[in-house]
């Protein structure tokens, strides 16, 4: 049986999600876990950047939900 990353991934948005619309339907908040499936997609890189800003205290939209689509296509 093939390994299915999404079945064990603790991140809310998993890059291995088989759901075709997961990038528009699954939400993520700043500070939550980031999927570690490589190669990193654009939304994962943005999540890592946001989480670094959270640790420094410079990210302000802490209560805003984001989708992978938002992270890849909007200025955040």
Protein backbone atom coordinates (compact mmCIF):
# COMPACT_ATOMS: atom_id res chain seq x y z
CA UNK A 1 0.00 0.00 0.00
CA UNK A 2 1.33 3.44 -0.91
CA UNK A 3 2.18 5.89 1.86
CA UNK A 4 -0.43 8.64 2.12
CA UNK A 5 1.15 11.65 3.77
CA UNK A 6 -2.18 13.40 4.35
CA UNK A 7 -3.37 10.61 6.65
CA UNK A 8 -0.68 11.41 9.22
CA UNK A 9 0.02 15.09 8.55
CA UNK A 10 -0.76 17.20 11.64
CA UNK A 11 -1.07 20.46 9.66
CA UNK A 12 -4.55 21.84 8.93
CA UNK A 13 -3.65 22.36 5.26
CA UNK A 14 -1.78 19.37 3.88
CA UNK A 15 -0.02 19.57 0.52
CA UNK A 16 -0.84 15.89 0.02
CA UNK A 17 -4.59 16.30 0.51
CA UNK A 18 -6.42 14.27 -2.16
CA UNK A 19 -9.46 16.59 -2.03
CA UNK A 20 -9.28 18.56 -5.32
CA UNK A 21 -10.49 21.85 -3.76
CA UNK A 22 -8.52 21.69 -0.51
CA UNK A 23 -6.65 24.90 -1.39
CA UNK A 24 -9.95 26.80 -1.32
CA UNK A 25 -11.81 24.89 1.38
CA UNK A 26 -9.38 24.22 4.24
CA UNK A 27 -8.45 27.10 6.55
CA UNK A 28 -5.22 27.80 8.38
CA UNK A 29 -4.44 30.40 11.06
CA UNK A 30 -1.09 32.05 11.63
CA UNK A 31 0.89 30.05 14.18
CA UNK A 32 -0.59 26.68 13.25
CA UNK A 33 1.53 23.81 11.97
CA UNK A 34 2.83 23.76 8.40
CA UNK A 35 2.79 20.63 6.25
CA UNK A 36 6.33 19.35 5.71
CA UNK A 37 5.68 17.47 2.44
CA UNK A 38 8.41 18.41 -0.02
CA UNK A 39 9.00 20.05 -2.36
CA UNK A 40 7.32 22.95 -0.58
CA UNK A 41 4.52 24.64 -2.45
CA UNK A 42 4.07 28.40 -2.50
CA UNK A 43 1.46 28.34 0.29
CA UNK A 44 3.79 26.33 2.57
CA UNK A 45 6.59 28.83 2.06
CA UNK A 46 4.19 31.67 2.91
CA UNK A 47 3.02 29.84 6.04
CA UNK A 48 6.62 29.41 7.20
CA UNK A 49 7.26 33.11 6.60
CA UNK A 50 4.12 34.10 8.53
CA UNK A 51 5.02 31.81 11.45
CA UNK A 52 8.49 33.40 11.65
CA UNK A 53 6.83 36.82 11.79
CA UNK A 54 4.48 35.53 14.50
CA UNK A 55 7.44 34.50 16.66
CA UNK A 56 8.95 37.97 16.26
CA UNK A 57 5.60 39.58 17.07
CA UNK A 58 5.43 41.43 13.75
CA UNK A 59 2.46 39.61 12.15
CA UNK A 60 -0.82 41.37 12.86
CA UNK A 61 -3.56 39.25 11.22
CA UNK A 62 -3.50 36.59 13.91
CA UNK A 63 -7.29 36.04 13.96
CA UNK A 64 -7.71 35.91 10.19
CA UNK A 65 -8.34 32.52 8.58
CA UNK A 66 -6.39 31.85 5.38
CA UNK A 67 -6.73 29.19 2.71
CA UNK A 68 -3.83 27.89 0.64
CA UNK A 69 -5.40 29.76 -2.28
CA UNK A 70 -5.31 33.02 -0.28
CA UNK A 71 -1.69 32.44 0.69
CA UNK A 72 -0.68 31.80 -2.91
CA UNK A 73 -2.69 34.53 -4.59
CA UNK A 74 -3.31 37.45 -2.24
CA UNK A 75 -1.06 40.01 -0.63
CA UNK A 76 -0.85 38.98 3.00
